[in-house]
Amino acid sequence: MITLEHPVQEDLALLHARHTEAMHADTPPESIHMLPASALAAEGIWFYVLRETGTPLAMGALKRIDAGHAEIKSMHVLHEARGRGLARAMLDHLLTEARRLGFARLSLETGAQESFAPARALYLAAGFTECPPFEGYGPDPMSVFLTRAL
């Protein structure tokens, strides 16, 4: 079950820690664009958690860029829960929610490294295409920017 939740909760600490660890594993600090849990609680951000029997296994967020454009932030599935389609379920949920919220376009930034290949494949399979850097980003050889109309 995927629900809209507050990003700062004790039982989400593992998800946030693992996401942070993954982002820092092979990305230089100046190329890391993740938001800490407290920043995900800001106005204009919708934070979702996928739980199985109450245990949080995945997270994802939408961040408003403008009235018609949003960005996917902090999408992460715990490594021990991968291979079960949970990332696709979260992505499908984010696409549905972005449409429901009235956005016409959804974009994201992900890593260019090999460790991000599964994420890039997921987004490309869902209809995202490469695009130039969008609001708040500049060119970065460690980043791939993707977008799709809704």
N, C-alpha and C. Protein backbone atom coordinates (compact mmCIF):
# COMPACT_ATOMS: atom_id res chain seq x y z
N MET A 1 0.85 -1.17 0.00
CA MET A 1 0.00 0.00 0.00
C MET A 1 0.89 1.24 0.00
N ILE A 2 0.57 2.20 -0.85
CA ILE A 2 1.33 3.45 -0.94
C ILE A 2 0.45 4.57 -0.41
N THR A 3 1.00 5.32 0.54
CA THR A 3 0.24 6.40 1.16
C THR A 3 1.06 7.68 1.24
N LEU A 4 0.36 8.80 1.27
CA LEU A 4 0.96 10.11 1.48
C LEU A 4 1.29 10.21 2.97
N GLU A 5 2.55 10.50 3.29
CA GLU A 5 2.97 10.54 4.69
C GLU A 5 3.92 11.70 4.93
N HIS A 6 4.18 11.97 6.20
CA HIS A 6 5.20 12.95 6.57
C HIS A 6 6.55 12.27 6.45
N PRO A 7 7.55 12.93 5.83
CA PRO A 7 8.84 12.27 5.61
C PRO A 7 9.69 12.08 6.86
N VAL A 8 9.40 12.80 7.92
CA VAL A 8 10.20 12.66 9.14
C VAL A 8 9.42 11.82 10.13
N GLN A 9 9.73 10.52 10.13
CA GLN A 9 9.13 9.56 11.05
C GLN A 9 10.23 8.59 11.45
N GLU A 10 10.17 8.14 12.68
CA GLU A 10 11.20 7.23 13.18
C GLU A 10 11.33 5.97 12.32
N ASP A 11 10.20 5.41 11.88
CA ASP A 11 10.30 4.15 11.13
C ASP A 11 10.72 4.35 9.68
N LEU A 12 10.95 5.59 9.26
CA LEU A 12 11.47 5.85 7.92
C LEU A 12 12.98 6.11 7.92
N ALA A 13 13.58 6.09 9.09
CA ALA A 13 15.02 6.39 9.20
C ALA A 13 15.87 5.46 8.34
N LEU A 14 15.55 4.18 8.31
CA LEU A 14 16.33 3.24 7.51
C LEU A 14 16.24 3.57 6.02
N LEU A 15 15.04 3.85 5.54
CA LEU A 15 14.87 4.22 4.13
C LEU A 15 15.72 5.44 3.78
N HIS A 16 15.63 6.48 4.60
CA HIS A 16 16.40 7.70 4.34
C HIS A 16 17.90 7.43 4.43
N ALA A 17 18.32 6.65 5.40
CA ALA A 17 19.75 6.34 5.55
C ALA A 17 20.27 5.56 4.36
N ARG A 18 19.52 4.58 3.91
CA ARG A 18 19.94 3.77 2.77
C ARG A 18 19.98 4.61 1.49
N HIS A 19 19.01 5.51 1.34
CA HIS A 19 18.99 6.38 0.17
C HIS A 19 20.23 7.28 0.18
N THR A 20 20.52 7.86 1.33
CA THR A 20 21.70 8.72 1.46
C THR A 20 22.97 7.94 1.16
N GLU A 21 23.08 6.75 1.71
CA GLU A 21 24.24 5.89 1.48
C GLU A 21 24.41 5.58 -0.01
N ALA A 22 23.32 5.25 -0.68
CA ALA A 22 23.37 4.93 -2.11
C ALA A 22 23.78 6.14 -2.94
N MET A 23 23.28 7.31 -2.57
CA MET A 23 23.60 8.51 -3.33
C MET A 23 25.08 8.89 -3.17
N HIS A 24 25.64 8.61 -2.01
CA HIS A 24 27.05 8.95 -1.75
C HIS A 24 28.03 7.86 -2.16
N ALA A 25 27.54 6.70 -2.55
CA ALA A 25 28.41 5.55 -2.83
C ALA A 25 29.41 5.82 -3.94
N ASP A 26 28.95 6.41 -5.03
CA ASP A 26 29.87 6.67 -6.14
C ASP A 26 29.60 7.99 -6.85
N THR A 27 29.06 8.95 -6.09
CA THR A 27 28.76 10.27 -6.64
C THR A 27 29.52 11.33 -5.84
N PRO A 28 30.25 12.22 -6.51
CA PRO A 28 30.93 13.29 -5.78
C PRO A 28 29.89 14.19 -5.09
N PRO A 29 30.22 14.73 -3.93
CA PRO A 29 29.26 15.54 -3.17
C PRO A 29 28.61 16.67 -3.98
N GLU A 30 29.37 17.31 -4.86
CA GLU A 30 28.81 18.43 -5.64
C GLU A 30 27.80 17.97 -6.67
N SER A 31 27.71 16.68 -6.92
CA SER A 31 26.76 16.14 -7.89
C SER A 31 25.59 15.41 -7.24
N ILE A 32 25.48 15.49 -5.92
CA ILE A 32 24.36 14.85 -5.21
C ILE A 32 23.25 15.87 -5.04
N HIS A 33 22.06 15.53 -5.53
CA HIS A 33 20.93 16.46 -5.51
C HIS A 33 19.77 15.97 -4.66
N MET A 34 20.01 14.99 -3.80
CA MET A 34 18.94 14.47 -2.96
C MET A 34 18.56 15.49 -1.88
N LEU A 35 17.36 15.36 -1.39
CA LEU A 35 16.90 16.21 -0.29
C LEU A 35 16.88 15.39 0.99
N PRO A 36 17.35 15.97 2.10
CA PRO A 36 17.22 15.27 3.38
C PRO A 36 15.74 15.18 3.78
N ALA A 37 15.45 14.28 4.69
CA ALA A 37 14.06 14.06 5.11
C ALA A 37 13.37 15.35 5.53
N SER A 38 14.06 16.19 6.28
CA SER A 38 13.43 17.43 6.76
C SER A 38 13.04 18.34 5.60
N ALA A 39 13.85 18.38 4.53
CA ALA A 39 13.54 19.22 3.37
C ALA A 39 12.36 18.66 2.58
N LEU A 40 12.13 17.36 2.67
CA LEU A 40 10.99 16.75 1.98
C LEU A 40 9.66 17.10 2.64
N ALA A 41 9.71 17.74 3.79
CA ALA A 41 8.50 18.16 4.49
C ALA A 41 8.05 19.55 4.07
N ALA A 42 8.73 20.16 3.11
CA ALA A 42 8.43 21.53 2.69
C ALA A 42 7.11 21.62 1.92
N GLU A 43 6.57 22.81 1.90
CA GLU A 43 5.39 23.11 1.10
C GLU A 43 5.71 22.81 -0.37
N GLY A 44 4.76 22.23 -1.08
CA GLY A 44 4.97 21.93 -2.50
C GLY A 44 5.66 20.61 -2.75
N ILE A 45 5.81 19.79 -1.69
CA ILE A 45 6.37 18.45 -1.85
C ILE A 45 5.38 17.45 -1.27
N TRP A 46 5.11 16.40 -2.05
CA TRP A 46 4.25 15.31 -1.62
C TRP A 46 5.14 14.08 -1.47
N PHE A 47 5.11 13.48 -0.28
CA PHE A 47 6.01 12.37 0.04
C PHE A 47 5.18 11.11 0.25
N TYR A 48 5.55 10.03 -0.45
CA TYR A 48 4.79 8.79 -0.42
C TYR A 48 5.66 7.64 0.08
N VAL A 49 5.02 6.72 0.81
CA VAL A 49 5.70 5.56 1.36
C VAL A 49 4.94 4.31 0.94
N LEU A 50 5.68 3.31 0.46
CA LEU A 50 5.12 2.01 0.16
C LEU A 50 5.43 1.12 1.35
N ARG A 51 4.38 0.60 1.96
CA ARG A 51 4.52 -0.27 3.13
C ARG A 51 3.95 -1.64 2.84
N GLU A 52 4.57 -2.64 3.45
CA GLU A 52 4.08 -4.01 3.39
C GLU A 52 3.93 -4.47 4.84
N THR A 53 2.73 -4.81 5.24
CA THR A 53 2.40 -5.16 6.63
C THR A 53 2.99 -4.14 7.60
N GLY A 54 2.85 -2.86 7.24
CA GLY A 54 3.29 -1.77 8.09
C GLY A 54 4.75 -1.38 7.96
N THR A 55 5.55 -2.20 7.32
CA THR A 55 6.99 -1.93 7.19
C THR A 55 7.25 -1.09 5.94
N PRO A 56 7.93 0.06 6.09
CA PRO A 56 8.24 0.87 4.92
C PRO A 56 9.34 0.22 4.07
N LEU A 57 9.04 0.00 2.80
CA LEU A 57 9.99 -0.63 1.88
C LEU A 57 10.46 0.30 0.77
N ALA A 58 9.69 1.34 0.49
CA ALA A 58 10.04 2.25 -0.60
C ALA A 58 9.46 3.63 -0.33
N MET A 59 10.09 4.62 -0.97
CA MET A 59 9.61 5.99 -0.84
C MET A 59 9.79 6.70 -2.17
N GLY A 60 9.05 7.78 -2.32
CA GLY A 60 9.17 8.63 -3.50
C GLY A 60 8.44 9.93 -3.22
N ALA A 61 8.86 10.99 -3.89
CA ALA A 61 8.24 12.28 -3.66
C ALA A 61 8.05 13.02 -4.97
N LEU A 62 7.10 13.93 -4.96
CA LEU A 62 6.87 14.87 -6.04
C LEU A 62 7.14 16.27 -5.50
N LYS A 63 7.88 17.06 -6.27
CA LYS A 63 8.18 18.44 -5.89
C LYS A 63 7.68 19.36 -6.99
N ARG A 64 6.84 20.31 -6.61
CA ARG A 64 6.30 21.27 -7.58
C ARG A 64 7.43 22.16 -8.09
N ILE A 65 7.55 22.26 -9.42
CA ILE A 65 8.45 23.22 -10.04
C ILE A 65 7.65 24.47 -10.38
N ASP A 66 6.50 24.28 -11.03
CA ASP A 66 5.55 25.35 -11.30
C ASP A 66 4.17 24.70 -11.43
N ALA A 67 3.18 25.45 -11.82
CA ALA A 67 1.81 24.93 -11.83
C ALA A 67 1.63 23.71 -12.71
N GLY A 68 2.44 23.57 -13.76
CA GLY A 68 2.27 22.44 -14.67
C GLY A 68 3.39 21.43 -14.68
N HIS A 69 4.42 21.64 -13.86
CA HIS A 69 5.63 20.82 -13.94
C HIS A 69 6.06 20.41 -12.53
N ALA A 70 6.31 19.11 -12.35
CA ALA A 70 6.79 18.60 -11.06
C ALA A 70 8.02 17.73 -11.30
N GLU A 71 8.75 17.48 -10.22
CA GLU A 71 9.96 16.68 -10.27
C GLU A 71 9.83 15.49 -9.32
N ILE A 72 10.33 14.34 -9.74
CA ILE A 72 10.42 13.19 -8.84
C ILE A 72 11.66 13.37 -7.99
N LYS A 73 11.51 13.22 -6.67
CA LYS A 73 12.62 13.32 -5.73
C LYS A 73 12.64 12.08 -4.84
N SER A 74 13.83 11.71 -4.41
CA SER A 74 14.03 10.70 -3.35
C SER A 74 13.32 9.38 -3.57
N MET A 75 13.31 8.89 -4.80
CA MET A 75 12.71 7.58 -5.03
C MET A 75 13.73 6.52 -4.65
N HIS A 76 13.33 5.62 -3.76
CA HIS A 76 14.26 4.59 -3.28
C HIS A 76 13.48 3.37 -2.79
N VAL A 77 14.01 2.18 -3.10
CA VAL A 77 13.47 0.91 -2.60
C VAL A 77 14.60 0.23 -1.83
N LEU A 78 14.30 -0.26 -0.63
CA LEU A 78 15.31 -0.98 0.15
C LEU A 78 15.86 -2.13 -0.68
N HIS A 79 17.17 -2.34 -0.66
CA HIS A 79 17.80 -3.35 -1.53
C HIS A 79 17.26 -4.75 -1.28
N GLU A 80 16.88 -5.08 -0.04
CA GLU A 80 16.37 -6.42 0.22
C GLU A 80 14.95 -6.63 -0.31
N ALA A 81 14.29 -5.55 -0.76
CA ALA A 81 12.93 -5.66 -1.31
C ALA A 81 12.93 -5.48 -2.83
N ARG A 82 14.10 -5.34 -3.43
CA ARG A 82 14.18 -5.12 -4.88
C ARG A 82 13.89 -6.40 -5.65
N GLY A 83 13.54 -6.23 -6.92
CA GLY A 83 13.25 -7.37 -7.78
C GLY A 83 11.81 -7.84 -7.69
N ARG A 84 10.98 -7.09 -7.01
CA ARG A 84 9.58 -7.47 -6.82
C ARG A 84 8.61 -6.50 -7.50
N GLY A 85 9.15 -5.54 -8.26
CA GLY A 85 8.28 -4.58 -8.95
C GLY A 85 7.87 -3.40 -8.10
N LEU A 86 8.49 -3.22 -6.94
CA LEU A 86 8.09 -2.13 -6.05
C LEU A 86 8.48 -0.76 -6.61
N ALA A 87 9.62 -0.68 -7.29
CA ALA A 87 10.03 0.60 -7.90
C ALA A 87 9.02 1.00 -8.97
N ARG A 88 8.60 0.04 -9.78
CA ARG A 88 7.61 0.35 -10.82
C ARG A 88 6.28 0.74 -10.19
N ALA A 89 5.90 0.07 -9.10
CA ALA A 89 4.66 0.42 -8.41
C ALA A 89 4.73 1.86 -7.87
N MET A 90 5.87 2.23 -7.29
CA MET A 90 6.02 3.59 -6.77
C MET A 90 6.01 4.59 -7.92
N LEU A 91 6.72 4.29 -9.00
CA LEU A 91 6.74 5.20 -10.14
C LEU A 91 5.34 5.36 -10.72
N ASP A 92 4.62 4.28 -10.88
CA ASP A 92 3.24 4.37 -11.40
C ASP A 92 2.38 5.23 -10.48
N HIS A 93 2.58 5.08 -9.17
CA HIS A 93 1.83 5.88 -8.21
C HIS A 93 2.18 7.36 -8.35
N LEU A 94 3.46 7.66 -8.49
CA LEU A 94 3.88 9.06 -8.64
C LEU A 94 3.31 9.66 -9.93
N LEU A 95 3.28 8.89 -11.01
CA LEU A 95 2.69 9.38 -12.26
C LEU A 95 1.20 9.67 -12.08
N THR A 96 0.50 8.76 -11.43
CA THR A 96 -0.93 8.94 -11.18
C THR A 96 -1.18 10.15 -10.29
N GLU A 97 -0.41 10.29 -9.24
CA GLU A 97 -0.57 11.42 -8.32
C GLU A 97 -0.24 12.74 -9.01
N ALA A 98 0.81 12.76 -9.83
CA ALA A 98 1.16 13.99 -10.54
C ALA A 98 0.01 14.43 -11.45
N ARG A 99 -0.59 13.48 -12.14
CA ARG A 99 -1.77 13.80 -12.97
C ARG A 99 -2.91 14.33 -12.11
N ARG A 100 -3.18 13.64 -10.99
CA ARG A 100 -4.28 14.04 -10.10
C ARG A 100 -4.06 15.45 -9.56
N LEU A 101 -2.80 15.80 -9.30
CA LEU A 101 -2.47 17.13 -8.78
C LEU A 101 -2.47 18.20 -9.87
N GLY A 102 -2.68 17.80 -11.11
CA GLY A 102 -2.82 18.76 -12.20
C GLY A 102 -1.54 19.07 -12.96
N PHE A 103 -0.49 18.32 -12.73
CA PHE A 103 0.75 18.57 -13.47
C PHE A 103 0.64 17.99 -14.87
N ALA A 104 1.26 18.67 -15.83
CA ALA A 104 1.25 18.22 -17.22
C ALA A 104 2.59 17.59 -17.62
N ARG A 105 3.62 17.82 -16.79
CA ARG A 105 4.97 17.30 -17.10
C ARG A 105 5.61 16.86 -15.80
N LEU A 106 6.38 15.78 -15.89
CA LEU A 106 7.12 15.25 -14.75
C LEU A 106 8.56 15.03 -15.19
N SER A 107 9.51 15.55 -14.43
CA SER A 107 10.93 15.44 -14.76
C SER A 107 11.69 14.88 -13.57
N LEU A 108 12.94 14.48 -13.82
CA LEU A 108 13.78 13.99 -12.73
C LEU A 108 15.25 14.08 -13.11
N GLU A 109 16.08 14.02 -12.10
CA GLU A 109 17.53 13.93 -12.26
C GLU A 109 17.94 12.62 -11.63
N THR A 110 18.79 11.87 -12.33
CA THR A 110 19.33 10.63 -11.79
C THR A 110 20.80 10.55 -12.17
N GLY A 111 21.49 9.58 -11.64
CA GLY A 111 22.91 9.47 -11.89
C GLY A 111 23.25 8.90 -13.25
N ALA A 112 24.42 9.28 -13.76
CA ALA A 112 24.92 8.78 -15.04
C ALA A 112 25.77 7.52 -14.85
N GLN A 113 26.14 7.20 -13.60
CA GLN A 113 27.01 6.07 -13.32
C GLN A 113 26.28 4.74 -13.57
N GLU A 114 27.08 3.68 -13.71
CA GLU A 114 26.54 2.34 -13.94
C GLU A 114 25.60 1.91 -12.81
N SER A 115 25.86 2.34 -11.59
CA SER A 115 25.01 1.95 -10.45
C SER A 115 23.58 2.48 -10.60
N PHE A 116 23.39 3.49 -11.44
CA PHE A 116 22.06 4.05 -11.67
C PHE A 116 21.38 3.47 -12.92
N ALA A 117 22.04 2.54 -13.60
CA ALA A 117 21.47 1.97 -14.83
C ALA A 117 20.08 1.37 -14.62
N PRO A 118 19.84 0.61 -13.54
CA PRO A 118 18.48 0.08 -13.35
C PRO A 118 17.43 1.19 -13.21
N ALA A 119 17.78 2.27 -12.53
CA ALA A 119 16.84 3.38 -12.38
C ALA A 119 16.56 4.03 -13.73
N ARG A 120 17.62 4.28 -14.50
CA ARG A 120 17.43 4.88 -15.83
C ARG A 120 16.56 3.97 -16.71
N ALA A 121 16.80 2.67 -16.66
CA ALA A 121 16.00 1.73 -17.46
C ALA A 121 14.53 1.77 -17.04
N LEU A 122 14.27 1.85 -15.76
CA LEU A 122 12.89 1.95 -15.26
C LEU A 122 12.21 3.20 -15.81
N TYR A 123 12.87 4.33 -15.71
CA TYR A 123 12.27 5.59 -16.18
C TYR A 123 12.07 5.59 -17.69
N LEU A 124 13.05 5.10 -18.43
CA LEU A 124 12.91 5.05 -19.90
C LEU A 124 11.77 4.12 -20.30
N ALA A 125 11.63 2.99 -19.61
CA ALA A 125 10.53 2.06 -19.90
C ALA A 125 9.17 2.67 -19.60
N ALA A 126 9.15 3.66 -18.71
CA ALA A 126 7.89 4.33 -18.33
C ALA A 126 7.61 5.55 -19.21
N GLY A 127 8.40 5.73 -20.27
CA GLY A 127 8.11 6.81 -21.20
C GLY A 127 8.89 8.09 -21.01
N PHE A 128 9.83 8.11 -20.07
CA PHE A 128 10.67 9.29 -19.89
C PHE A 128 11.71 9.33 -21.00
N THR A 129 12.11 10.53 -21.41
CA THR A 129 13.16 10.72 -22.40
C THR A 129 14.16 11.72 -21.85
N GLU A 130 15.39 11.64 -22.36
CA GLU A 130 16.42 12.57 -21.91
C GLU A 130 16.06 13.99 -22.29
N CYS A 131 16.46 14.93 -21.43
CA CYS A 131 16.19 16.34 -21.66
C CYS A 131 17.35 17.15 -21.10
N PRO A 132 17.40 18.44 -21.41
CA PRO A 132 18.43 19.27 -20.80
C PRO A 132 18.14 19.48 -19.31
N PRO A 133 19.12 19.99 -18.56
CA PRO A 133 18.85 20.31 -17.15
C PRO A 133 17.64 21.25 -17.04
N PHE A 134 16.84 21.05 -16.03
CA PHE A 134 15.66 21.89 -15.83
C PHE A 134 15.85 22.71 -14.56
N GLU A 135 14.83 23.38 -14.13
CA GLU A 135 14.87 24.32 -13.02
C GLU A 135 15.76 23.88 -11.86
N GLY A 136 16.74 24.72 -11.54
CA GLY A 136 17.60 24.47 -10.39
C GLY A 136 18.84 23.63 -10.69
N TYR A 137 18.95 23.08 -11.88
CA TYR A 137 20.09 22.24 -12.23
C TYR A 137 20.92 22.88 -13.33
N GLY A 138 22.18 22.51 -13.38
CA GLY A 138 23.05 22.89 -14.47
C GLY A 138 23.64 21.64 -15.07
N PRO A 139 24.37 21.79 -16.16
CA PRO A 139 25.02 20.62 -16.76
C PRO A 139 25.95 19.94 -15.75
N ASP A 140 25.93 18.61 -15.73
CA ASP A 140 26.76 17.84 -14.81
C ASP A 140 27.00 16.48 -15.45
N PRO A 141 28.26 16.11 -15.67
CA PRO A 141 28.52 14.81 -16.31
C PRO A 141 28.06 13.61 -15.46
N MET A 142 27.79 13.84 -14.18
CA MET A 142 27.32 12.77 -13.31
C MET A 142 25.79 12.65 -13.30
N SER A 143 25.11 13.54 -14.03
CA SER A 143 23.64 13.57 -14.02
C SER A 143 23.05 13.24 -15.38
N VAL A 144 21.90 12.58 -15.33
CA VAL A 144 21.05 12.37 -16.49
C VAL A 144 19.71 13.01 -16.14
N PHE A 145 19.19 13.82 -17.04
CA PHE A 145 17.91 14.50 -16.83
C PHE A 145 16.88 13.87 -17.75
N LEU A 146 15.73 13.55 -17.18
CA LEU A 146 14.67 12.87 -17.93
C LEU A 146 13.35 13.61 -17.71
N THR A 147 12.46 13.51 -18.69
CA THR A 147 11.16 14.16 -18.58
C THR A 147 10.12 13.39 -19.37
N ARG A 148 8.87 13.63 -19.06
CA ARG A 148 7.76 13.08 -19.87
C ARG A 148 6.51 13.91 -19.62
N ALA A 149 5.72 13.98 -20.67
CA ALA A 149 4.41 14.62 -20.56
C ALA A 149 3.47 13.63 -19.86
N LEU A 150 2.49 14.17 -19.17
CA LEU A 150 1.50 13.34 -18.46
C LEU A 150 0.18 13.35 -19.20
